[in-house]
Protein backbone atom coordinates (compact mmCIF):
# COMPACT_ATOMS: atom_id res chain seq x y z
CA UNK A 1 48.32 37.73 -76.68
CA UNK A 2 44.75 38.31 -75.40
CA UNK A 3 43.82 36.25 -72.37
CA UNK A 4 40.06 36.87 -72.42
CA UNK A 5 38.04 33.67 -72.40
CA UNK A 6 35.38 33.13 -75.07
CA UNK A 7 31.92 34.03 -73.85
CA UNK A 8 30.26 30.94 -75.33
CA UNK A 9 31.92 27.52 -75.72
CA UNK A 10 30.03 24.62 -77.31
CA UNK A 11 31.22 21.02 -77.29
CA UNK A 12 29.99 18.07 -79.37
CA UNK A 13 30.45 15.09 -77.03
CA UNK A 14 31.34 12.31 -79.44
CA UNK A 15 32.91 8.90 -78.83
CA UNK A 16 31.07 7.11 -76.00
CA UNK A 17 30.30 4.05 -78.10
CA UNK A 18 33.79 3.73 -79.57
CA UNK A 19 35.35 4.16 -76.12
CA UNK A 20 33.36 1.18 -74.89
CA UNK A 21 33.99 -0.97 -77.98
CA UNK A 22 37.74 -0.43 -77.76
CA UNK A 23 37.60 -2.00 -74.30
CA UNK A 24 35.27 -4.83 -75.25
CA UNK A 25 32.47 -3.31 -73.18
CA UNK A 26 28.83 -2.47 -73.74
CA UNK A 27 27.88 1.06 -74.71
CA UNK A 28 26.52 1.80 -71.24
CA UNK A 29 30.08 1.69 -69.89
CA UNK A 30 31.05 4.58 -72.16
CA UNK A 31 28.10 6.60 -70.93
CA UNK A 32 29.01 5.91 -67.30
CA UNK A 33 32.60 6.95 -67.98
CA UNK A 34 31.42 10.16 -69.65
CA UNK A 35 30.01 11.49 -66.38
CA UNK A 36 33.53 12.36 -65.27
CA UNK A 37 34.10 14.25 -68.53
CA UNK A 38 30.87 16.18 -67.92
CA UNK A 39 31.92 17.24 -64.42
CA UNK A 40 35.39 18.14 -65.65
CA UNK A 41 34.30 20.34 -68.54
CA UNK A 42 31.70 22.19 -66.44
CA UNK A 43 34.16 22.80 -63.58
CA UNK A 44 37.02 23.86 -65.87
CA UNK A 45 34.79 26.17 -67.90
CA UNK A 46 33.89 27.93 -64.67
CA UNK A 47 37.53 28.20 -63.65
CA UNK A 48 38.32 29.72 -67.06
CA UNK A 49 35.49 32.30 -66.77
CA UNK A 50 33.41 30.86 -69.62
CA UNK A 51 29.97 32.37 -69.16
CA UNK A 52 28.03 30.09 -71.52
CA UNK A 53 28.73 26.37 -72.01
CA UNK A 54 26.68 24.24 -74.40
CA UNK A 55 27.10 20.45 -74.53
CA UNK A 56 25.68 18.61 -77.55
CA UNK A 57 25.19 14.86 -77.88
CA UNK A 58 27.37 13.35 -80.62
CA UNK A 59 25.83 11.57 -83.61
CA UNK A 60 26.51 8.15 -82.10
CA UNK A 61 24.86 9.14 -78.83
CA UNK A 62 21.71 10.31 -80.63
CA UNK A 63 21.56 7.12 -82.68
CA UNK A 64 21.46 4.97 -79.56
CA UNK A 65 17.83 4.11 -79.04
CA UNK A 66 15.85 2.83 -76.13
CA UNK A 67 14.64 4.82 -73.16
CA UNK A 68 17.00 3.14 -70.71
CA UNK A 69 20.03 4.15 -72.79
CA UNK A 70 18.86 7.36 -74.46
CA UNK A 71 20.97 10.50 -73.96
CA UNK A 72 18.04 12.21 -72.25
CA UNK A 73 17.61 9.41 -69.74
CA UNK A 74 21.34 9.19 -69.04
CA UNK A 75 21.74 12.95 -68.48
CA UNK A 76 18.68 13.09 -66.24
CA UNK A 77 19.65 10.03 -64.20
CA UNK A 78 23.44 10.16 -63.94
CA UNK A 79 24.59 13.67 -64.84
CA UNK A 80 22.03 16.10 -63.50
CA UNK A 81 20.85 13.62 -60.89
CA UNK A 82 24.32 13.44 -59.31
CA UNK A 83 25.41 17.03 -59.90
CA UNK A 84 22.28 19.18 -59.89
CA UNK A 85 22.50 20.47 -56.32
CA UNK A 86 26.16 21.42 -56.73
CA UNK A 87 25.47 23.23 -60.01
CA UNK A 88 22.56 25.08 -58.41
CA UNK A 89 24.71 26.11 -55.42
CA UNK A 90 27.33 27.44 -57.87
CA UNK A 91 24.76 29.68 -59.56
CA UNK A 92 24.58 27.73 -62.83
CA UNK A 93 21.40 28.06 -64.89
CA UNK A 94 20.53 24.90 -66.83
CA UNK A 95 18.69 24.81 -70.15
CA UNK A 96 17.68 21.65 -72.02
CA UNK A 97 17.15 21.57 -75.79
CA UNK A 98 15.23 18.53 -77.08
CA UNK A 99 14.21 15.89 -77.57
CA UNK A 100 10.63 16.49 -76.51
CA UNK A 101 7.32 14.69 -76.60
CA UNK A 102 7.21 10.90 -76.97
CA UNK A 103 11.00 10.73 -77.51
CA UNK A 104 11.40 10.75 -73.72
CA UNK A 105 9.51 8.97 -70.98
CA UNK A 106 7.44 11.21 -68.72
CA UNK A 107 9.72 10.61 -65.70
CA UNK A 108 12.85 11.59 -67.65
CA UNK A 109 11.23 14.65 -69.19
CA UNK A 110 9.95 15.72 -65.78
CA UNK A 111 13.43 15.41 -64.24
CA UNK A 112 14.99 17.54 -66.98
CA UNK A 113 12.33 20.24 -66.70
CA UNK A 114 12.70 20.15 -62.93
CA UNK A 115 16.40 20.97 -63.32
CA UNK A 116 15.52 23.90 -65.58
CA UNK A 117 12.95 25.23 -63.14
CA UNK A 118 15.19 24.86 -60.07
CA UNK A 119 18.00 26.88 -61.67
CA UNK A 120 15.90 29.42 -63.56
CA UNK A 121 16.89 32.29 -61.27
CA UNK A 122 20.65 31.60 -61.42
CA UNK A 123 22.75 34.19 -63.25
CA UNK A 124 26.40 33.35 -62.57
CA UNK A 125 26.93 30.88 -65.43
CA UNK A 126 24.87 29.11 -68.08
CA UNK A 127 24.85 25.43 -69.02
CA UNK A 128 22.84 24.29 -72.04
CA UNK A 129 22.45 20.59 -72.83
CA UNK A 130 21.24 19.72 -76.34
CA UNK A 131 20.27 16.16 -77.28
CA UNK A 132 19.69 17.04 -80.94
CA UNK A 133 21.78 19.60 -82.88
CA UNK A 134 18.73 20.73 -84.91
CA UNK A 135 20.55 23.58 -86.65
CA UNK A 136 18.54 23.53 -89.88
CA UNK A 137 15.28 22.74 -88.10
CA UNK A 138 15.77 25.66 -85.71
CA UNK A 139 16.23 28.06 -88.66
CA UNK A 140 13.20 26.61 -90.46
CA UNK A 141 11.01 26.89 -87.35
CA UNK A 142 12.07 30.49 -86.80
CA UNK A 143 11.29 31.31 -90.45
CA UNK A 144 7.86 29.71 -90.19
CA UNK A 145 7.18 31.71 -87.02
CA UNK A 146 8.07 34.94 -88.82
CA UNK A 147 5.73 34.07 -91.70
CA UNK A 148 2.90 33.00 -89.39
CA UNK A 149 3.15 36.24 -87.43
CA UNK A 150 3.40 38.26 -90.64
CA UNK A 151 6.50 40.10 -89.48
CA UNK A 152 7.45 42.77 -92.08
CA UNK A 153 10.59 41.95 -94.06
CA UNK A 154 12.40 45.11 -92.96
CA UNK A 155 12.10 43.97 -89.33
CA UNK A 156 13.88 40.67 -90.00
CA UNK A 157 17.54 41.30 -89.20
CA UNK A 158 20.45 39.38 -87.72
CA UNK A 159 19.55 40.93 -84.38
CA UNK A 160 15.83 40.07 -84.45
CA UNK A 161 15.88 36.65 -86.17
CA UNK A 162 17.31 34.72 -83.15
CA UNK A 163 14.35 35.90 -81.05
CA UNK A 164 12.19 33.39 -82.94
CA UNK A 165 14.53 30.44 -82.37
CA UNK A 166 14.07 27.75 -79.72
CA UNK A 167 16.50 29.40 -77.26
CA UNK A 168 16.35 33.15 -78.00
CA UNK A 169 18.84 34.12 -75.30
CA UNK A 170 21.57 31.75 -76.55
CA UNK A 171 24.49 33.92 -77.77
CA UNK A 172 26.70 33.22 -80.78
CA UNK A 173 29.24 30.45 -80.23
CA UNK A 174 32.82 31.71 -79.99
CA UNK A 175 34.51 28.30 -79.78
CA UNK A 176 33.14 24.93 -80.95
CA UNK A 177 34.97 21.78 -79.82
CA UNK A 178 34.28 18.31 -81.14
CA UNK A 179 35.77 15.16 -79.66
CA UNK A 180 35.99 11.77 -81.33
CA UNK A 181 38.12 12.64 -84.37
CA UNK A 182 35.30 13.72 -86.71
CA UNK A 183 35.97 17.00 -88.54
CA UNK A 184 32.47 18.31 -89.06
CA UNK A 185 29.87 20.18 -87.03
CA UNK A 186 26.98 17.84 -87.95
CA UNK A 187 24.20 20.42 -88.07
CA UNK A 188 25.01 21.74 -84.61
CA UNK A 189 23.81 25.30 -83.88
CA UNK A 190 24.29 26.42 -87.50
CA UNK A 191 23.12 29.98 -86.91
CA UNK A 192 25.12 30.42 -83.73
CA UNK A 193 28.34 28.90 -85.12
CA UNK A 194 28.60 31.22 -88.12
CA UNK A 195 31.82 32.80 -86.82
CA UNK A 196 32.96 30.18 -84.30
CA UNK A 197 36.53 28.98 -83.96
CA UNK A 198 36.52 25.21 -84.65
CA UNK A 199 38.73 22.77 -82.72
CA UNK A 200 38.57 19.05 -83.51
CA UNK A 201 40.13 16.59 -81.05
CA UNK A 202 40.98 12.92 -81.59
CA UNK A 203 40.26 12.18 -77.93
CA UNK A 204 37.03 10.28 -77.23
CA UNK A 205 34.53 12.05 -75.00
CA UNK A 206 34.89 9.83 -71.88
CA UNK A 207 38.64 10.64 -71.90
CA UNK A 208 38.08 14.42 -72.11
CA UNK A 209 39.86 16.26 -69.31
CA UNK A 210 40.68 19.80 -68.20
CA UNK A 211 43.86 19.97 -70.31
CA UNK A 212 41.86 19.31 -73.48
CA UNK A 213 39.53 22.23 -72.80
CA UNK A 214 42.45 24.50 -71.94
CA UNK A 215 44.21 23.42 -75.14
CA UNK A 216 41.14 24.45 -77.16
CA UNK A 217 40.92 27.75 -75.29
CA UNK A 218 44.58 28.38 -76.11
CA UNK A 219 43.89 27.73 -79.81
CA UNK A 220 41.03 30.23 -79.62
CA UNK A 221 43.17 32.89 -77.96
CA UNK A 222 45.95 32.40 -80.53
CA UNK A 223 43.59 32.93 -83.45
CA UNK A 224 44.67 35.81 -85.75
CA UNK A 225 41.22 37.33 -85.27
CA UNK A 226 42.07 37.93 -81.61
CA UNK A 227 45.85 38.26 -81.49
CA UNK A 228 46.25 40.29 -84.69
CA UNK A 229 49.07 38.05 -85.90
CA UNK A 230 49.65 34.59 -87.33
CA UNK A 231 49.11 31.97 -84.61
CA UNK A 232 51.97 29.95 -83.27
CA UNK A 233 51.53 26.19 -83.43
CA UNK A 234 50.11 25.06 -80.08
CA UNK A 235 52.17 22.48 -78.24
CA UNK A 236 50.89 18.98 -79.00
CA UNK A 237 48.86 17.48 -76.20
CA UNK A 238 48.85 13.96 -74.90
CA UNK A 239 45.68 12.13 -73.99
CA UNK A 240 45.48 11.79 -70.21
CA UNK A 241 45.69 8.48 -68.48
CA UNK A 242 42.31 6.83 -68.09
CA UNK A 243 41.13 4.04 -65.81
CA UNK A 244 42.55 0.75 -67.14
CA UNK A 245 42.09 -2.91 -66.40
CA UNK A 246 38.31 -2.92 -66.03
CA UNK A 247 38.22 -6.52 -67.31
CA UNK A 248 40.91 -7.66 -64.86
CA UNK A 249 39.15 -5.94 -61.96
CA UNK A 250 35.91 -7.64 -62.93
CA UNK A 251 37.57 -11.07 -62.94
CA UNK A 252 39.34 -10.54 -59.62
CA UNK A 253 36.25 -9.30 -57.81
CA UNK A 254 33.77 -11.58 -59.62
CA UNK A 255 31.51 -8.58 -60.23
CA UNK A 256 29.60 -7.48 -63.35
CA UNK A 257 31.78 -5.39 -65.65
CA UNK A 258 29.35 -2.44 -65.49
CA UNK A 259 29.74 -2.29 -61.72
CA UNK A 260 33.53 -2.56 -61.80
CA UNK A 261 33.77 0.20 -64.40
CA UNK A 262 31.70 2.49 -62.21
CA UNK A 263 33.72 1.46 -59.15
CA UNK A 264 36.97 2.28 -60.92
CA UNK A 265 35.69 5.75 -61.85
CA UNK A 266 34.56 6.41 -58.29
CA UNK A 267 37.99 5.39 -56.97
CA UNK A 268 39.70 7.68 -59.48
CA UNK A 269 37.54 10.60 -58.36
CA UNK A 270 38.40 9.84 -54.73
CA UNK A 271 42.12 9.81 -55.47
CA UNK A 272 41.86 13.16 -57.26
CA UNK A 273 40.00 14.72 -54.33
CA UNK A 274 42.59 13.35 -51.90
CA UNK A 275 45.40 14.78 -54.02
CA UNK A 276 43.69 18.20 -54.16
CA UNK A 277 43.29 18.18 -50.37
CA UNK A 278 46.93 17.20 -49.84
CA UNK A 279 48.09 20.00 -52.13
CA UNK A 280 45.98 22.55 -50.26
CA UNK A 281 47.42 21.37 -46.93
CA UNK A 282 50.99 21.67 -48.25
CA UNK A 283 50.25 25.18 -49.51
CA UNK A 284 48.89 26.22 -46.10
CA UNK A 285 51.88 24.71 -44.30
CA UNK A 286 54.29 26.47 -46.68
CA UNK A 287 52.53 29.77 -46.06
CA UNK A 288 52.79 29.37 -42.28
CA UNK A 289 56.48 28.50 -42.56
CA UNK A 290 57.23 31.50 -44.75
CA UNK A 291 55.37 33.89 -42.42
CA UNK A 292 56.89 32.33 -39.29
CA UNK A 293 53.48 31.59 -37.83
CA UNK A 294 52.66 28.12 -36.53
CA UNK A 295 49.20 27.19 -35.36
CA UNK A 296 50.06 28.13 -31.79
CA UNK A 297 51.38 31.56 -32.81
CA UNK A 298 48.36 32.20 -35.00
CA UNK A 299 45.80 31.46 -32.29
CA UNK A 300 47.74 33.33 -29.62
CA UNK A 301 47.54 36.60 -31.48
């Protein structure tokens, strides 16, 4: 079975609002919780050698109005604001697709464009964040551009048409993932998803973890178009454990529920980092034991 990763993976991030409602919380809690999903999918995509990653706001996220809670404001403030330097150091180029103009406050728009400008010279990996799917509109705008420029019909081909779209360098999508249980692509990158493998997950976006992305990649690799044979049924996956008891924590600490939700996520991240460090130390100790070299032996040589 081929092991090559898809060049371009797109993900519709759906389910923030429902995640919060299921816990009796305000929508902002779902958006705060989704920051961990963002970091996870970007890190795992890099580990799996995915060159292009595109993240699209789900329909519910786009419908949420108000500058303080808009997807653009949240990504600028919490996602790129907390992770921009790390992404830049890792050679990730960031592109932002909509909304533009009065849909975003000047400060938010400036922060997003600043992230694009800072990472413009990076070439290792590509991260595109789209707040509006705009599939039909993108095709219409490209068609209007061709008409306005009076491009001869014989020059309009599948190879030249994308050059008139809002992100000309964006390659075709190989794998499209949607969380939240909806089985539709909702006008997302219609031109680019013409031949994409589609994977729909019941998991809500804030609960998205590395195993969910790897599951989707496995589905892609097992596709008959790549393996040359009928795909075997992938092993069913279980949703990972997520932070629980936000309401209890809030009552015990007498803190606002928004703060305790964020605190719980920070603690979970700290535990994961501690576990990763402990595993690395055990691996190093095992290696020294197997080679017969302790620290004293190593430095004495």
